[in-house]
Amino acid sequence: SWKATGVLQFFFQVLVTLPAALLGAWAIGLSPSERQLIRS
């Protein structure tokens, strides 16, 4: 939906997508005990 036209825009797009990577890593990539350890 939004093609990057330059390097700065590309890096901004990467920055925008990082929360999705963090959410996936937290919810799926870590076990419940690993999430609990991080919370503590």
Full PDB file with SEQRES, HELIX, SHEET, SSBOND, CRYST1, ORIGX, SCALE, CONECT and MASTER records, all heavy atoms in Angstrom:
SEQRES   1 A   40  SER TRP LYS ALA THR GLY VAL LEU GLN PHE PHE PHE GLN          
SEQRES   2 A   40  VAL LEU VAL THR LEU PRO ALA ALA LEU LEU GLY ALA TRP          
SEQRES   3 A   40  ALA ILE GLY LEU SER PRO SER GLU ARG GLN LEU ILE ARG          
SEQRES   4 A   40  SER                                                          
HELIX    1 AA1 VAL A    7  GLY A   24  1                                  18    
HELIX    2 AA2 ALA A   25  GLY A   29  3                                   5    
HELIX    3 AA3 PRO A   32  ARG A   39  1                                   8    
CRYST1    1.000    1.000    1.000  90.00  90.00  90.00 P 1           1          
ORIGX1      1.000000  0.000000  0.000000        0.00000                         
ORIGX2      0.000000  1.000000  0.000000        0.00000                         
ORIGX3      0.000000  0.000000  1.000000        0.00000                         
SCALE1      1.000000  0.000000  0.000000        0.00000                         
SCALE2      0.000000  1.000000  0.000000        0.00000                         
SCALE3      0.000000  0.000000  1.000000        0.00000                         
ATOM      1  N   SER A   1       0.803  -1.229   0.000  1.00  0.00           N  
ATOM      2  CA  SER A   1       0.000   0.000   0.000  1.00  0.00           C  
ATOM      3  C   SER A   1       0.833   1.275   0.000  1.00  0.00           C  
ATOM      4  O   SER A   1       0.321   2.347  -0.282  1.00  0.00           O  
ATOM      5  CB  SER A   1      -0.938   0.009   1.214  1.00  0.00           C  
ATOM      6  OG  SER A   1      -0.179   0.030   2.408  1.00  0.00           O  
ATOM      7  N   TRP A   2       2.121   1.158   0.308  1.00  0.00           N  
ATOM      8  CA  TRP A   2       2.958   2.358   0.426  1.00  0.00           C  
ATOM      9  C   TRP A   2       4.390   1.997   0.056  1.00  0.00           C  
ATOM     10  O   TRP A   2       5.165   1.582   0.892  1.00  0.00           O  
ATOM     11  CB  TRP A   2       2.860   2.874   1.860  1.00  0.00           C  
ATOM     12  CG  TRP A   2       3.624   4.121   2.166  1.00  0.00           C  
ATOM     13  CD1 TRP A   2       3.887   5.160   1.330  1.00  0.00           C  
ATOM     14  CD2 TRP A   2       4.228   4.458   3.415  1.00  0.00           C  
ATOM     15  NE1 TRP A   2       4.610   6.117   1.974  1.00  0.00           N  
ATOM     16  CE2 TRP A   2       4.829   5.713   3.267  1.00  0.00           C  
ATOM     17  CE3 TRP A   2       4.316   3.812   4.645  1.00  0.00           C  
ATOM     18  CZ2 TRP A   2       5.502   6.344   4.297  1.00  0.00           C  
ATOM     19  CZ3 TRP A   2       4.987   4.443   5.665  1.00  0.00           C  
ATOM     20  CH2 TRP A   2       5.569   5.707   5.496  1.00  0.00           C  
ATOM     21  N   LYS A   3       4.724   2.125  -1.210  1.00  0.00           N  
ATOM     22  CA  LYS A   3       6.054   1.787  -1.699  1.00  0.00           C  
ATOM     23  C   LYS A   3       7.069   2.828  -1.229  1.00  0.00           C  
ATOM     24  O   LYS A   3       6.836   4.028  -1.333  1.00  0.00           O  
ATOM     25  CB  LYS A   3       6.086   1.729  -3.225  1.00  0.00           C  
ATOM     26  CG  LYS A   3       5.205   0.659  -3.819  1.00  0.00           C  
ATOM     27  CD  LYS A   3       5.848  -0.695  -3.679  1.00  0.00           C  
ATOM     28  CE  LYS A   3       5.009  -1.737  -4.392  1.00  0.00           C  
ATOM     29  NZ  LYS A   3       5.252  -3.058  -3.919  1.00  0.00           N  
ATOM     30  N   ALA A   4       8.175   2.361  -0.725  1.00  0.00           N  
ATOM     31  CA  ALA A   4       9.243   3.262  -0.295  1.00  0.00           C  
ATOM     32  C   ALA A   4       9.911   3.866  -1.526  1.00  0.00           C  
ATOM     33  O   ALA A   4      10.234   3.164  -2.479  1.00  0.00           O  
ATOM     34  CB  ALA A   4      10.265   2.511   0.540  1.00  0.00           C  
ATOM     35  N   THR A   5      10.101   5.162  -1.493  1.00  0.00           N  
ATOM     36  CA  THR A   5      10.734   5.844  -2.626  1.00  0.00           C  
ATOM     37  C   THR A   5      12.168   6.263  -2.312  1.00  0.00           C  
ATOM     38  O   THR A   5      12.837   6.815  -3.170  1.00  0.00           O  
ATOM     39  CB  THR A   5       9.910   7.084  -3.027  1.00  0.00           C  
ATOM     40  OG1 THR A   5       9.780   7.930  -1.880  1.00  0.00           O  
ATOM     41  CG2 THR A   5       8.534   6.680  -3.541  1.00  0.00           C  
ATOM     42  N   GLY A   6      12.604   6.001  -1.100  1.00  0.00           N  
ATOM     43  CA  GLY A   6      13.972   6.345  -0.727  1.00  0.00           C  
ATOM     44  C   GLY A   6      14.388   5.581   0.516  1.00  0.00           C  
ATOM     45  O   GLY A   6      13.586   4.892   1.149  1.00  0.00           O  
ATOM     46  N   VAL A   7      15.641   5.726   0.865  1.00  0.00           N  
ATOM     47  CA  VAL A   7      16.190   4.988   1.999  1.00  0.00           C  
ATOM     48  C   VAL A   7      15.538   5.410   3.312  1.00  0.00           C  
ATOM     49  O   VAL A   7      15.194   4.564   4.145  1.00  0.00           O  
ATOM     50  CB  VAL A   7      17.727   5.182   2.061  1.00  0.00           C  
ATOM     51  CG1 VAL A   7      18.302   4.573   3.316  1.00  0.00           C  
ATOM     52  CG2 VAL A   7      18.385   4.585   0.838  1.00  0.00           C  
ATOM     53  N   LEU A   8      15.343   6.703   3.510  1.00  0.00           N  
ATOM     54  CA  LEU A   8      14.727   7.173   4.764  1.00  0.00           C  
ATOM     55  C   LEU A   8      13.308   6.643   4.920  1.00  0.00           C  
ATOM     56  O   LEU A   8      12.921   6.205   6.006  1.00  0.00           O  
ATOM     57  CB  LEU A   8      14.748   8.699   4.847  1.00  0.00           C  
ATOM     58  CG  LEU A   8      16.109   9.324   5.110  1.00  0.00           C  
ATOM     59  CD1 LEU A   8      16.008  10.852   5.090  1.00  0.00           C  
ATOM     60  CD2 LEU A   8      16.671   8.858   6.439  1.00  0.00           C  
ATOM     61  N   GLN A   9      12.556   6.660   3.859  1.00  0.00           N  
ATOM     62  CA  GLN A   9      11.195   6.128   3.921  1.00  0.00           C  
ATOM     63  C   GLN A   9      11.217   4.622   4.186  1.00  0.00           C  
ATOM     64  O   GLN A   9      10.405   4.107   4.955  1.00  0.00           O  
ATOM     65  CB  GLN A   9      10.447   6.436   2.625  1.00  0.00           C  
ATOM     66  CG  GLN A   9       8.977   6.089   2.693  1.00  0.00           C  
ATOM     67  CD  GLN A   9       8.242   6.499   1.435  1.00  0.00           C  
ATOM     68  OE1 GLN A   9       8.825   6.936   0.458  1.00  0.00           O  
ATOM     69  NE2 GLN A   9       6.932   6.319   1.460  1.00  0.00           N  
ATOM     70  N   PHE A  10      12.146   3.916   3.577  1.00  0.00           N  
ATOM     71  CA  PHE A  10      12.274   2.483   3.815  1.00  0.00           C  
ATOM     72  C   PHE A  10      12.554   2.207   5.295  1.00  0.00           C  
ATOM     73  O   PHE A  10      11.920   1.352   5.914  1.00  0.00           O  
ATOM     74  CB  PHE A  10      13.393   1.892   2.947  1.00  0.00           C  
ATOM     75  CG  PHE A  10      13.761   0.483   3.324  1.00  0.00           C  
ATOM     76  CD1 PHE A  10      12.939  -0.579   2.978  1.00  0.00           C  
ATOM     77  CD2 PHE A  10      14.923   0.229   4.043  1.00  0.00           C  
ATOM     78  CE1 PHE A  10      13.270  -1.880   3.337  1.00  0.00           C  
ATOM     79  CE2 PHE A  10      15.259  -1.069   4.408  1.00  0.00           C  
ATOM     80  CZ  PHE A  10      14.431  -2.120   4.053  1.00  0.00           C  
ATOM     81  N   PHE A  11      13.513   2.936   5.877  1.00  0.00           N  
ATOM     82  CA  PHE A  11      13.835   2.716   7.286  1.00  0.00           C  
ATOM     83  C   PHE A  11      12.671   3.115   8.195  1.00  0.00           C  
ATOM     84  O   PHE A  11      12.449   2.490   9.233  1.00  0.00           O  
ATOM     85  CB  PHE A  11      15.125   3.427   7.681  1.00  0.00           C  
ATOM     86  CG  PHE A  11      16.349   2.699   7.212  1.00  0.00           C  
ATOM     87  CD1 PHE A  11      17.202   3.266   6.284  1.00  0.00           C  
ATOM     88  CD2 PHE A  11      16.641   1.422   7.674  1.00  0.00           C  
ATOM     89  CE1 PHE A  11      18.322   2.589   5.843  1.00  0.00           C  
ATOM     90  CE2 PHE A  11      17.753   0.729   7.241  1.00  0.00           C  
ATOM     91  CZ  PHE A  11      18.596   1.320   6.317  1.00  0.00           C  
ATOM     92  N   PHE A  12      11.915   4.107   7.801  1.00  0.00           N  
ATOM     93  CA  PHE A  12      10.718   4.466   8.567  1.00  0.00           C  
ATOM     94  C   PHE A  12       9.705   3.322   8.514  1.00  0.00           C  
ATOM     95  O   PHE A  12       9.093   2.974   9.534  1.00  0.00           O  
ATOM     96  CB  PHE A  12      10.101   5.769   8.053  1.00  0.00           C  
ATOM     97  CG  PHE A  12       8.862   6.157   8.798  1.00  0.00           C  
ATOM     98  CD1 PHE A  12       8.945   6.650  10.095  1.00  0.00           C  
ATOM     99  CD2 PHE A  12       7.610   6.012   8.220  1.00  0.00           C  
ATOM    100  CE1 PHE A  12       7.798   6.992  10.802  1.00  0.00           C  
ATOM    101  CE2 PHE A  12       6.463   6.346   8.917  1.00  0.00           C  
ATOM    102  CZ  PHE A  12       6.555   6.841  10.216  1.00  0.00           C  
ATOM    103  N   GLN A  13       9.544   2.720   7.344  1.00  0.00           N  
ATOM    104  CA  GLN A  13       8.634   1.584   7.219  1.00  0.00           C  
ATOM    105  C   GLN A  13       9.091   0.419   8.089  1.00  0.00           C  
ATOM    106  O   GLN A  13       8.265  -0.238   8.731  1.00  0.00           O  
ATOM    107  CB  GLN A  13       8.526   1.139   5.758  1.00  0.00           C  
ATOM    108  CG  GLN A  13       7.733   2.092   4.897  1.00  0.00           C  
ATOM    109  CD  GLN A  13       7.718   1.662   3.446  1.00  0.00           C  
ATOM    110  OE1 GLN A  13       8.653   1.030   2.957  1.00  0.00           O  
ATOM    111  NE2 GLN A  13       6.649   2.002   2.748  1.00  0.00           N  
ATOM    112  N   VAL A  14      10.382   0.163   8.117  1.00  0.00           N  
ATOM    113  CA  VAL A  14      10.904  -0.895   8.978  1.00  0.00           C  
ATOM    114  C   VAL A  14      10.580  -0.579  10.429  1.00  0.00           C  
ATOM    115  O   VAL A  14      10.130  -1.444  11.191  1.00  0.00           O  
ATOM    116  CB  VAL A  14      12.430  -1.082   8.772  1.00  0.00           C  
ATOM    117  CG1 VAL A  14      13.013  -2.006   9.820  1.00  0.00           C  
ATOM    118  CG2 VAL A  14      12.708  -1.608   7.364  1.00  0.00           C  
ATOM    119  N   LEU A  15      10.783   0.662  10.824  1.00  0.00           N  
ATOM    120  CA  LEU A  15      10.477   1.088  12.197  1.00  0.00           C  
ATOM    121  C   LEU A  15       9.002   0.872  12.528  1.00  0.00           C  
ATOM    122  O   LEU A  15       8.666   0.416  13.620  1.00  0.00           O  
ATOM    123  CB  LEU A  15      10.861   2.564  12.380  1.00  0.00           C  
ATOM    124  CG  LEU A  15      10.735   3.141  13.765  1.00  0.00           C  
ATOM    125  CD1 LEU A  15      11.708   2.456  14.721  1.00  0.00           C  
ATOM    126  CD2 LEU A  15      11.001   4.630  13.744  1.00  0.00           C  
ATOM    127  N   VAL A  16       8.125   1.141  11.580  1.00  0.00           N  
ATOM    128  CA  VAL A  16       6.684   0.969  11.782  1.00  0.00           C  
ATOM    129  C   VAL A  16       6.317  -0.506  11.951  1.00  0.00           C  
ATOM    130  O   VAL A  16       5.395  -0.844  12.688  1.00  0.00           O  
ATOM    131  CB  VAL A  16       5.901   1.614  10.604  1.00  0.00           C  
ATOM    132  CG1 VAL A  16       4.441   1.209  10.604  1.00  0.00           C  
ATOM    133  CG2 VAL A  16       6.045   3.121  10.639  1.00  0.00           C  
ATOM    134  N   THR A  17       7.046  -1.399  11.287  1.00  0.00           N  
ATOM    135  CA  THR A  17       6.719  -2.825  11.351  1.00  0.00           C  
ATOM    136  C   THR A  17       7.307  -3.529  12.575  1.00  0.00           C  
ATOM    137  O   THR A  17       6.858  -4.625  12.920  1.00  0.00           O  
ATOM    138  CB  THR A  17       7.206  -3.562  10.089  1.00  0.00           C  
ATOM    139  OG1 THR A  17       8.622  -3.427   9.997  1.00  0.00           O  
ATOM    140  CG2 THR A  17       6.541  -3.025   8.840  1.00  0.00           C  
ATOM    141  N   LEU A  18       8.285  -2.925  13.231  1.00  0.00           N  
ATOM    142  CA  LEU A  18       8.944  -3.593  14.355  1.00  0.00           C  
ATOM    143  C   LEU A  18       8.000  -3.966  15.505  1.00  0.00           C  
ATOM    144  O   LEU A  18       8.183  -5.024  16.107  1.00  0.00           O  
ATOM    145  CB  LEU A  18      10.116  -2.758  14.861  1.00  0.00           C  
ATOM    146  CG  LEU A  18      11.337  -2.765  13.935  1.00  0.00           C  
ATOM    147  CD1 LEU A  18      12.441  -1.892  14.516  1.00  0.00           C  
ATOM    148  CD2 LEU A  18      11.836  -4.164  13.674  1.00  0.00           C  
ATOM    149  N   PRO A  19       7.004  -3.150  15.842  1.00  0.00           N  
ATOM    150  CA  PRO A  19       6.078  -3.591  16.904  1.00  0.00           C  
ATOM    151  C   PRO A  19       5.400  -4.928  16.581  1.00  0.00           C  
ATOM    152  O   PRO A  19       5.162  -5.736  17.484  1.00  0.00           O  
ATOM    153  CB  PRO A  19       5.067  -2.459  17.011  1.00  0.00           C  
ATOM    154  CG  PRO A  19       5.824  -1.246  16.561  1.00  0.00           C  
ATOM    155  CD  PRO A  19       6.741  -1.750  15.462  1.00  0.00           C  
ATOM    156  N   ALA A  20       5.119  -5.191  15.311  1.00  0.00           N  
ATOM    157  CA  ALA A  20       4.517  -6.480  14.933  1.00  0.00           C  
ATOM    158  C   ALA A  20       5.502  -7.616  15.194  1.00  0.00           C  
ATOM    159  O   ALA A  20       5.113  -8.702  15.639  1.00  0.00           O  
ATOM    160  CB  ALA A  20       4.086  -6.458  13.471  1.00  0.00           C  
ATOM    161  N   ALA A  21       6.788  -7.384  14.937  1.00  0.00           N  
ATOM    162  CA  ALA A  21       7.808  -8.401  15.219  1.00  0.00           C  
ATOM    163  C   ALA A  21       7.904  -8.643  16.722  1.00  0.00           C  
ATOM    164  O   ALA A  21       7.981  -9.791  17.175  1.00  0.00           O  
ATOM    165  CB  ALA A  21       9.161  -7.966  14.661  1.00  0.00           C  
ATOM    166  N   LEU A  22       7.885  -7.568  17.498  1.00  0.00           N  
ATOM    167  CA  LEU A  22       7.952  -7.714  18.957  1.00  0.00           C  
ATOM    168  C   LEU A  22       6.728  -8.437  19.499  1.00  0.00           C  
ATOM    169  O   LEU A  22       6.846  -9.300  20.373  1.00  0.00           O  
ATOM    170  CB  LEU A  22       8.096  -6.347  19.618  1.00  0.00           C  
ATOM    171  CG  LEU A  22       9.437  -5.651  19.416  1.00  0.00           C  
ATOM    172  CD1 LEU A  22       9.395  -4.223  19.966  1.00  0.00           C  
ATOM    173  CD2 LEU A  22      10.551  -6.440  20.063  1.00  0.00           C  
ATOM    174  N   LEU A  23       5.555  -8.098  18.985  1.00  0.00           N  
ATOM    175  CA  LEU A  23       4.326  -8.765  19.416  1.00  0.00           C  
ATOM    176  C   LEU A  23       4.375 -10.261  19.102  1.00  0.00           C  
ATOM    177  O   LEU A  23       4.051 -11.095  19.949  1.00  0.00           O  
ATOM    178  CB  LEU A  23       3.110  -8.125  18.743  1.00  0.00           C  
ATOM    179  CG  LEU A  23       1.768  -8.764  19.045  1.00  0.00           C  
ATOM    180  CD1 LEU A  23       1.403  -8.571  20.515  1.00  0.00           C  
ATOM    181  CD2 LEU A  23       0.687  -8.189  18.155  1.00  0.00           C  
ATOM    182  N   GLY A  24       4.795 -10.619  17.895  1.00  0.00           N  
ATOM    183  CA  GLY A  24       4.896 -12.025  17.527  1.00  0.00           C  
ATOM    184  C   GLY A  24       5.920 -12.768  18.371  1.00  0.00           C  
ATOM    185  O   GLY A  24       5.680 -13.889  18.817  1.00  0.00           O  
ATOM    186  N   ALA A  25       7.064 -12.121  18.592  1.00  0.00           N  
ATOM    187  CA  ALA A  25       8.102 -12.746  19.415  1.00  0.00           C  
ATOM    188  C   ALA A  25       7.596 -12.969  20.834  1.00  0.00           C  
ATOM    189  O   ALA A  25       7.833 -14.019  21.433  1.00  0.00           O  
ATOM    190  CB  ALA A  25       9.362 -11.883  19.429  1.00  0.00           C  
ATOM    191  N   TRP A  26       6.876 -11.998  21.375  1.00  0.00           N  
ATOM    192  CA  TRP A  26       6.353 -12.105  22.734  1.00  0.00           C  
ATOM    193  C   TRP A  26       5.269 -13.179  22.836  1.00  0.00           C  
ATOM    194  O   TRP A  26       5.318 -14.050  23.701  1.00  0.00           O  
ATOM    195  CB  TRP A  26       5.800 -10.762  23.196  1.00  0.00           C  
ATOM    196  CG  TRP A  26       5.229 -10.788  24.572  1.00  0.00           C  
ATOM    197  CD1 TRP A  26       3.924 -10.928  24.924  1.00  0.00           C  
ATOM    198  CD2 TRP A  26       5.969 -10.716  25.796  1.00  0.00           C  
ATOM    199  NE1 TRP A  26       3.797 -10.930  26.285  1.00  0.00           N  
ATOM    200  CE2 TRP A  26       5.042 -10.795  26.849  1.00  0.00           C  
ATOM    201  CE3 TRP A  26       7.314 -10.579  26.103  1.00  0.00           C  
ATOM    202  CZ2 TRP A  26       5.419 -10.755  28.182  1.00  0.00           C  
ATOM    203  CZ3 TRP A  26       7.691 -10.523  27.436  1.00  0.00           C  
ATOM    204  CH2 TRP A  26       6.747 -10.615  28.456  1.00  0.00           C  
ATOM    205  N   ALA A  27       4.289 -13.113  21.938  1.00  0.00           N  
ATOM    206  CA  ALA A  27       3.113 -13.981  22.040  1.00  0.00           C  
ATOM    207  C   ALA A  27       3.370 -15.415  21.577  1.00  0.00           C  
ATOM    208  O   ALA A  27       2.802 -16.348  22.145  1.00  0.00           O  
ATOM    209  CB  ALA A  27       1.960 -13.379  21.232  1.00  0.00           C  
ATOM    210  N   ILE A  28       4.225 -15.596  20.580  1.00  0.00           N  
ATOM    211  CA  ILE A  28       4.416 -16.919  19.994  1.00  0.00           C  
ATOM    212  C   ILE A  28       5.828 -17.450  20.235  1.00  0.00           C  
ATOM    213  O   ILE A  28       6.016 -18.631  20.513  1.00  0.00           O  
ATOM    214  CB  ILE A  28       4.126 -16.885  18.473  1.00  0.00           C  
ATOM    215  CG1 ILE A  28       2.687 -16.425  18.218  1.00  0.00           C  
ATOM    216  CG2 ILE A  28       4.374 -18.247  17.830  1.00  0.00           C  
ATOM    217  CD1 ILE A  28       2.393 -16.066  16.775  1.00  0.00           C  
ATOM    218  N   GLY A  29       6.807 -16.585  20.120  1.00  0.00           N  
ATOM    219  CA  GLY A  29       8.195 -17.009  20.201  1.00  0.00           C  
ATOM    220  C   GLY A  29       8.662 -17.391  21.590  1.00  0.00           C  
ATOM    221  O   GLY A  29       9.557 -18.212  21.742  1.00  0.00           O  
ATOM    222  N   LEU A  30       8.057 -16.782  22.608  1.00  0.00           N  
ATOM    223  CA  LEU A  30       8.458 -17.075  23.982  1.00  0.00           C  
ATOM    224  C   LEU A  30       7.454 -17.999  24.651  1.00  0.00           C  
ATOM    225  O   LEU A  30       6.251 -17.885  24.422  1.00  0.00           O  
ATOM    226  CB  LEU A  30       8.564 -15.776  24.795  1.00  0.00           C  
ATOM    227  CG  LEU A  30       9.591 -14.754  24.320  1.00  0.00           C  
ATOM    228  CD1 LEU A  30       9.483 -13.473  25.146  1.00  0.00           C  
ATOM    229  CD2 LEU A  30      10.995 -15.326  24.400  1.00  0.00           C  
ATOM    230  N   SER A  31       7.950 -18.870  25.489  1.00  0.00           N  
ATOM    231  CA  SER A  31       7.065 -19.747  26.261  1.00  0.00           C  
ATOM    232  C   SER A  31       6.469 -18.944  27.413  1.00  0.00           C  
ATOM    233  O   SER A  31       6.982 -17.873  27.766  1.00  0.00           O  
ATOM    234  CB  SER A  31       7.850 -20.929  26.813  1.00  0.00           C  
ATOM    235  OG  SER A  31       8.761 -20.488  27.805  1.00  0.00           O  
ATOM    236  N   PRO A  32       5.386 -19.424  28.029  1.00  0.00           N  
ATOM    237  CA  PRO A  32       4.823 -18.710  29.186  1.00  0.00           C  
ATOM    238  C   PRO A  32       5.850 -18.488  30.293  1.00  0.00           C  
ATOM    239  O   PRO A  32       5.882 -17.414  30.895  1.00  0.00           O  
ATOM    240  CB  PRO A  32       3.681 -19.629  29.645  1.00  0.00           C  
ATOM    241  CG  PRO A  32       3.260 -20.345  28.396  1.00  0.00           C  
ATOM    242  CD  PRO A  32       4.538 -20.552  27.626  1.00  0.00           C  
ATOM    243  N   SER A  33       6.703 -19.464  30.550  1.00  0.00           N  
ATOM    244  CA  SER A  33       7.708 -19.283  31.606  1.00  0.00           C  
ATOM    245  C   SER A  33       8.742 -18.229  31.214  1.00  0.00           C  
ATOM    246  O   SER A  33       9.214 -17.474  32.072  1.00  0.00           O  
ATOM    247  CB  SER A  33       8.387 -20.606  31.945  1.00  0.00           C  
ATOM    248  OG  SER A  33       9.070 -21.111  30.827  1.00  0.00           O  
ATOM    249  N   GLU A  34       9.091 -18.143  29.938  1.00  0.00           N  
ATOM    250  CA  GLU A  34      10.032 -17.112  29.489  1.00  0.00           C  
ATOM    251  C   GLU A  34       9.409 -15.725  29.599  1.00  0.00           C  
ATOM    252  O   GLU A  34      10.070 -14.770  30.023  1.00  0.00           O  
ATOM    253  CB  GLU A  34      10.467 -17.380  28.048  1.00  0.00           C  
ATOM    254  CG  GLU A  34      11.356 -18.601  27.906  1.00  0.00           C  
ATOM    255  CD  GLU A  34      11.544 -19.050  26.469  1.00  0.00           C  
ATOM    256  OE1 GLU A  34      10.642 -18.839  25.626  1.00  0.00           O  
ATOM    257  OE2 GLU A  34      12.613 -19.636  26.199  1.00  0.00           O  
ATOM    258  N   ARG A  35       8.112 -15.609  29.245  1.00  0.00           N  
ATOM    259  CA  ARG A  35       7.429 -14.315  29.398  1.00  0.00           C  
ATOM    260  C   ARG A  35       7.358 -13.904  30.866  1.00  0.00           C  
ATOM    261  O   ARG A  35       7.577 -12.741  31.212  1.00  0.00           O  
ATOM    262  CB  ARG A  35       6.027 -14.382  28.779  1.00  0.00           C  
ATOM    263  CG  ARG A  35       6.037 -14.400  27.270  1.00  0.00           C  
ATOM    264  CD  ARG A  35       4.652 -14.170  26.676  1.00  0.00           C  
ATOM    265  NE  ARG A  35       3.711 -15.222  27.014  1.00  0.00           N  
ATOM    266  CZ  ARG A  35       3.520 -16.321  26.301  1.00  0.00           C  
ATOM    267  NH1 ARG A  35       4.210 -16.529  25.205  1.00  0.00           N  
ATOM    268  NH2 ARG A  35       2.636 -17.227  26.686  1.00  0.00           N  
ATOM    269  N   GLN A  36       7.084 -14.864  31.737  1.00  0.00           N  
ATOM    270  CA  GLN A  36       7.022 -14.579  33.170  1.00  0.00           C  
ATOM    271  C   GLN A  36       8.383 -14.133  33.697  1.00  0.00           C  
ATOM    272  O   GLN A  36       8.466 -13.193  34.490  1.00  0.00           O  
ATOM    273  CB  GLN A  36       6.531 -15.797  33.950  1.00  0.00           C  
ATOM    274  CG  GLN A  36       6.374 -15.566  35.435  1.00  0.00           C  
ATOM    275  CD  GLN A  36       5.440 -14.392  35.747  1.00  0.00           C  
ATOM    276  OE1 GLN A  36       4.407 -14.205  35.105  1.00  0.00           O  
ATOM    277  NE2 GLN A  36       5.811 -13.583  36.714  1.00  0.00           N  
ATOM    278  N   LEU A  37       9.436 -14.774  33.267  1.00  0.00           N  
ATOM    279  CA  LEU A  37      10.783 -14.392  33.677  1.00  0.00           C  
ATOM    280  C   LEU A  37      11.093 -12.959  33.250  1.00  0.00           C  
ATOM    281  O   LEU A  37      11.629 -12.171  34.035  1.00  0.00           O  
ATOM    282  CB  LEU A  37      11.821 -15.353  33.092  1.00  0.00           C  
ATOM    283  CG  LEU A  37      13.284 -15.040  33.390  1.00  0.00           C  
ATOM    284  CD1 LEU A  37      13.553 -15.160  34.888  1.00  0.00           C  
ATOM    285  CD2 LEU A  37      14.183 -15.966  32.598  1.00  0.00           C  
ATOM    286  N   ILE A  38      10.746 -12.610  32.027  1.00  0.00           N  
ATOM    287  CA  ILE A  38      10.984 -11.246  31.538  1.00  0.00           C  
ATOM    288  C   ILE A  38      10.160 -10.250  32.344  1.00  0.00           C  
ATOM    289  O   ILE A  38      10.666  -9.197  32.750  1.00  0.00           O  
ATOM    290  CB  ILE A  38      10.673 -11.144  30.032  1.00  0.00           C  
ATOM    291  CG1 ILE A  38      11.717 -11.937  29.244  1.00  0.00           C  
ATOM    292  CG2 ILE A  38      10.643  -9.679  29.579  1.00  0.00           C  
ATOM    293  CD1 ILE A  38      11.395 -12.117  27.789  1.00  0.00           C  
ATOM    294  N   ARG A  39       8.885 -10.566  32.591  1.00  0.00           N  
ATOM    295  CA  ARG A  39       8.045  -9.669  33.405  1.00  0.00           C  
ATOM    296  C   ARG A  39       8.665  -9.455  34.783  1.00  0.00           C  
ATOM    297  O   ARG A  39       8.714  -8.329  35.274  1.00  0.00           O  
ATOM    298  CB  ARG A  39       6.641 -10.261  33.565  1.00  0.00           C  
ATOM    299  CG  ARG A  39       5.738 -10.035  32.405  1.00  0.00           C  
ATOM    300  CD  ARG A  39       4.291 -10.444  32.785  1.00  0.00           C  
ATOM    301  NE  ARG A  39       3.581 -10.822  31.608  1.00  0.00           N  
ATOM    302  CZ  ARG A  39       3.309 -12.075  31.227  1.00  0.00           C  
ATOM    303  NH1 ARG A  39       3.664 -13.099  31.967  1.00  0.00           N  
ATOM    304  NH2 ARG A  39       2.658 -12.308  30.116  1.00  0.00           N  
ATOM    305  N   SER A  40       9.137 -10.521  35.410  1.00  0.00           N  
ATOM    306  CA  SER A  40       9.708 -10.390  36.749  1.00  0.00           C  
ATOM    307  C   SER A  40      11.005  -9.583  36.712  1.00  0.00           C  
ATOM    308  O   SER A  40      11.263  -8.791  37.612  1.00  0.00           O  
ATOM    309  CB  SER A  40       9.953 -11.761  37.379  1.00  0.00           C  
ATOM    310  OG  SER A  40      10.986 -12.444  36.710  1.00  0.00           O  
TER     311      SER A  40                                                      
MASTER        0    0    0    3    0    0    0    6  310    1    0    4          
END                                                                             
